[in-house]
């Protein structure tokens, strides 16, 4: 009968290894968060904006904050500042909640304003 191997002692999380996420993971989370933040603004409109375009400057070292740039189309007329703030807040919150990574900055760029077309 084989002898049982001793159970290794639990080590501190940092001693067990590291987790590094690719920038595309952050970009995908940010794009989804931007779409979710703008969903109500686009509801009941015939014109639709394109999908958000996201670029991420990832952490240089594990645990460092990320910077996210989100380019969006917005409906017009609308409170553009409030919509941009909603995108920024949602991207920050979702990224932190899903990855545990702090977001240093979210830059929201309004690419196009799409007026309501007649039905």
C-alpha atoms as a PDB file:
ATOM      1  CA  UNK A   1       0.000   0.000   0.000  1.00  0.00           C
ATOM      2  CA  UNK A   2       1.359   3.392  -1.010  1.00  0.00           C
ATOM      3  CA  UNK A   3       2.057   6.005   1.613  1.00  0.00           C
ATOM      4  CA  UNK A   4       0.013   9.169   1.515  1.00  0.00           C
ATOM      5  CA  UNK A   5       1.884  12.276   0.467  1.00  0.00           C
ATOM      6  CA  UNK A   6       1.893  15.073   3.025  1.00  0.00           C
ATOM      7  CA  UNK A   7      -0.491  17.919   2.304  1.00  0.00           C
ATOM      8  CA  UNK A   8       1.466  21.065   1.456  1.00  0.00           C
ATOM      9  CA  UNK A   9       1.035  23.957   3.860  1.00  0.00           C
ATOM     10  CA  UNK A  10      -1.091  26.825   2.592  1.00  0.00           C
ATOM     11  CA  UNK A  11       1.021  29.677   1.418  1.00  0.00           C
ATOM     12  CA  UNK A  12       0.207  33.341   1.076  1.00  0.00           C
ATOM     13  CA  UNK A  13      -1.613  34.230  -2.185  1.00  0.00           C
ATOM     14  CA  UNK A  14       1.386  36.065  -3.601  1.00  0.00           C
ATOM     15  CA  UNK A  15       3.586  33.038  -3.068  1.00  0.00           C
ATOM     16  CA  UNK A  16       1.226  30.733  -4.998  1.00  0.00           C
ATOM     17  CA  UNK A  17       1.543  32.605  -8.283  1.00  0.00           C
ATOM     18  CA  UNK A  18       0.188  35.559 -10.231  1.00  0.00           C
ATOM     19  CA  UNK A  19      -2.794  36.262 -12.374  1.00  0.00           C
ATOM     20  CA  UNK A  20      -2.294  38.461 -15.407  1.00  0.00           C
ATOM     21  CA  UNK A  21      -5.180  39.354 -17.666  1.00  0.00           C
ATOM     22  CA  UNK A  22      -4.749  40.279 -21.293  1.00  0.00           C
ATOM     23  CA  UNK A  23      -5.792  43.777 -22.335  1.00  0.00           C
ATOM     24  CA  UNK A  24      -8.524  42.251 -24.503  1.00  0.00           C
ATOM     25  CA  UNK A  25     -10.226  40.957 -21.346  1.00  0.00           C
ATOM     26  CA  UNK A  26     -10.482  44.480 -19.969  1.00  0.00           C
ATOM     27  CA  UNK A  27     -11.580  45.757 -23.390  1.00  0.00           C
ATOM     28  CA  UNK A  28     -14.378  43.216 -23.620  1.00  0.00           C
ATOM     29  CA  UNK A  29     -15.638  44.030 -20.137  1.00  0.00           C
ATOM     30  CA  UNK A  30     -15.508  47.769 -20.885  1.00  0.00           C
ATOM     31  CA  UNK A  31     -17.364  47.381 -24.203  1.00  0.00           C
ATOM     32  CA  UNK A  32     -20.159  45.421 -22.527  1.00  0.00           C
ATOM     33  CA  UNK A  33     -20.369  47.942 -19.686  1.00  0.00           C
ATOM     34  CA  UNK A  34     -20.620  50.838 -22.179  1.00  0.00           C
ATOM     35  CA  UNK A  35     -23.416  49.083 -24.110  1.00  0.00           C
ATOM     36  CA  UNK A  36     -25.287  48.395 -20.877  1.00  0.00           C
ATOM     37  CA  UNK A  37     -24.868  52.002 -19.706  1.00  0.00           C
ATOM     38  CA  UNK A  38     -26.350  53.341 -22.957  1.00  0.00           C
ATOM     39  CA  UNK A  39     -29.133  50.775 -23.396  1.00  0.00           C
ATOM     40  CA  UNK A  40     -31.871  53.021 -22.000  1.00  0.00           C
ATOM     41  CA  UNK A  41     -30.731  55.997 -24.096  1.00  0.00           C
ATOM     42  CA  UNK A  42     -31.159  53.977 -27.316  1.00  0.00           C
ATOM     43  CA  UNK A  43     -34.465  52.366 -26.338  1.00  0.00           C
ATOM     44  CA  UNK A  44     -37.427  53.359 -28.552  1.00  0.00           C
ATOM     45  CA  UNK A  45     -35.210  54.969 -31.183  1.00  0.00           C
ATOM     46  CA  UNK A  46     -34.993  53.931 -34.803  1.00  0.00           C
ATOM     47  CA  UNK A  47     -31.413  55.158 -35.199  1.00  0.00           C
ATOM     48  CA  UNK A  48     -28.804  52.977 -33.513  1.00  0.00           C
ATOM     49  CA  UNK A  49     -25.204  53.661 -32.718  1.00  0.00           C
ATOM     50  CA  UNK A  50     -22.393  51.309 -33.574  1.00  0.00           C
ATOM     51  CA  UNK A  51     -20.694  49.148 -30.980  1.00  0.00           C
ATOM     52  CA  UNK A  52     -18.284  50.887 -28.614  1.00  0.00           C
ATOM     53  CA  UNK A  53     -14.620  50.820 -29.595  1.00  0.00           C
ATOM     54  CA  UNK A  54     -12.344  50.216 -26.640  1.00  0.00           C
ATOM     55  CA  UNK A  55      -8.616  50.376 -26.112  1.00  0.00           C
ATOM     56  CA  UNK A  56      -6.891  49.607 -22.833  1.00  0.00           C
ATOM     57  CA  UNK A  57      -3.536  50.548 -21.467  1.00  0.00           C
ATOM     58  CA  UNK A  58      -2.975  47.562 -19.252  1.00  0.00           C
ATOM     59  CA  UNK A  59      -1.159  47.401 -15.986  1.00  0.00           C
ATOM     60  CA  UNK A  60       2.599  47.567 -16.379  1.00  0.00           C
ATOM     61  CA  UNK A  61       2.902  45.361 -13.314  1.00  0.00           C
ATOM     62  CA  UNK A  62       0.356  43.005 -11.801  1.00  0.00           C
ATOM     63  CA  UNK A  63      -1.974  44.910  -9.508  1.00  0.00           C
ATOM     64  CA  UNK A  64      -1.363  48.266 -11.188  1.00  0.00           C
ATOM     65  CA  UNK A  65      -4.407  50.227 -12.426  1.00  0.00           C
ATOM     66  CA  UNK A  66      -5.596  50.221 -16.044  1.00  0.00           C
ATOM     67  CA  UNK A  67      -6.600  53.116 -18.284  1.00  0.00           C
ATOM     68  CA  UNK A  68      -9.563  52.605 -20.601  1.00  0.00           C
ATOM     69  CA  UNK A  69     -10.531  54.622 -23.691  1.00  0.00           C
ATOM     70  CA  UNK A  70     -14.089  54.100 -24.946  1.00  0.00           C
ATOM     71  CA  UNK A  71     -15.378  55.584 -28.214  1.00  0.00           C
ATOM     72  CA  UNK A  72     -19.173  55.650 -28.453  1.00  0.00           C
ATOM     73  CA  UNK A  73     -21.994  56.893 -30.643  1.00  0.00           C
ATOM     74  CA  UNK A  74     -24.702  58.779 -28.764  1.00  0.00           C
ATOM     75  CA  UNK A  75     -28.292  59.683 -29.543  1.00  0.00           C
ATOM     76  CA  UNK A  76     -29.047  63.324 -30.220  1.00  0.00           C
ATOM     77  CA  UNK A  77     -30.597  65.291 -28.644  1.00  0.00           C
ATOM     78  CA  UNK A  78     -29.638  63.971 -25.231  1.00  0.00           C
ATOM     79  CA  UNK A  79     -27.738  64.989 -22.128  1.00  0.00           C
ATOM     80  CA  UNK A  80     -24.330  64.064 -23.508  1.00  0.00           C
ATOM     81  CA  UNK A  81     -22.439  64.771 -20.293  1.00  0.00           C
ATOM     82  CA  UNK A  82     -24.772  62.517 -18.291  1.00  0.00           C
ATOM     83  CA  UNK A  83     -24.456  59.703 -20.839  1.00  0.00           C
ATOM     84  CA  UNK A  84     -20.649  59.975 -20.878  1.00  0.00           C
ATOM     85  CA  UNK A  85     -20.617  59.965 -17.073  1.00  0.00           C
ATOM     86  CA  UNK A  86     -22.857  56.860 -17.040  1.00  0.00           C
ATOM     87  CA  UNK A  87     -20.433  55.081 -19.380  1.00  0.00           C
ATOM     88  CA  UNK A  88     -17.435  56.094 -17.297  1.00  0.00           C
ATOM     89  CA  UNK A  89     -19.026  55.015 -14.022  1.00  0.00           C
ATOM     90  CA  UNK A  90     -20.293  51.681 -15.397  1.00  0.00           C
ATOM     91  CA  UNK A  91     -16.943  50.799 -16.996  1.00  0.00           C
ATOM     92  CA  UNK A  92     -15.125  51.605 -13.757  1.00  0.00           C
ATOM     93  CA  UNK A  93     -17.570  49.641 -11.592  1.00  0.00           C
ATOM     94  CA  UNK A  94     -17.809  46.549 -13.817  1.00  0.00           C
ATOM     95  CA  UNK A  95     -14.067  46.327 -14.425  1.00  0.00           C
ATOM     96  CA  UNK A  96     -13.341  46.539 -10.709  1.00  0.00           C
ATOM     97  CA  UNK A  97     -16.078  44.056  -9.809  1.00  0.00           C
ATOM     98  CA  UNK A  98     -15.141  41.443 -12.408  1.00  0.00           C
ATOM     99  CA  UNK A  99     -11.344  41.652 -12.324  1.00  0.00           C
ATOM    100  CA  UNK A 100     -10.418  43.250  -9.009  1.00  0.00           C
ATOM    101  CA  UNK A 101      -8.280  45.722 -10.958  1.00  0.00           C
ATOM    102  CA  UNK A 102      -8.455  49.421 -10.175  1.00  0.00           C
ATOM    103  CA  UNK A 103      -9.270  51.705 -13.106  1.00  0.00           C
ATOM    104  CA  UNK A 104      -7.085  54.807 -13.098  1.00  0.00           C
ATOM    105  CA  UNK A 105      -9.014  56.630 -15.813  1.00  0.00           C
ATOM    106  CA  UNK A 106     -11.829  56.107 -18.297  1.00  0.00           C
ATOM    107  CA  UNK A 107     -11.699  58.414 -21.307  1.00  0.00           C
ATOM    108  CA  UNK A 108     -15.029  58.606 -23.119  1.00  0.00           C
ATOM    109  CA  UNK A 109     -14.820  59.847 -26.697  1.00  0.00           C
ATOM    110  CA  UNK A 110     -18.048  60.713 -28.493  1.00  0.00           C
ATOM    111  CA  UNK A 111     -17.478  59.645 -32.098  1.00  0.00           C
ATOM    112  CA  UNK A 112     -20.898  60.373 -33.606  1.00  0.00           C
ATOM    113  CA  UNK A 113     -24.191  61.999 -32.628  1.00  0.00           C
ATOM    114  CA  UNK A 114     -27.134  60.243 -34.233  1.00  0.00           C
ATOM    115  CA  UNK A 115     -30.360  62.262 -34.534  1.00  0.00           C
ATOM    116  CA  UNK A 116     -33.685  60.500 -34.401  1.00  0.00           C
ATOM    117  CA  UNK A 117     -34.920  59.674 -37.876  1.00  0.00           C
ATOM    118  CA  UNK A 118     -38.554  59.938 -38.815  1.00  0.00           C
ATOM    119  CA  UNK A 119     -40.464  56.684 -38.700  1.00  0.00           C
END
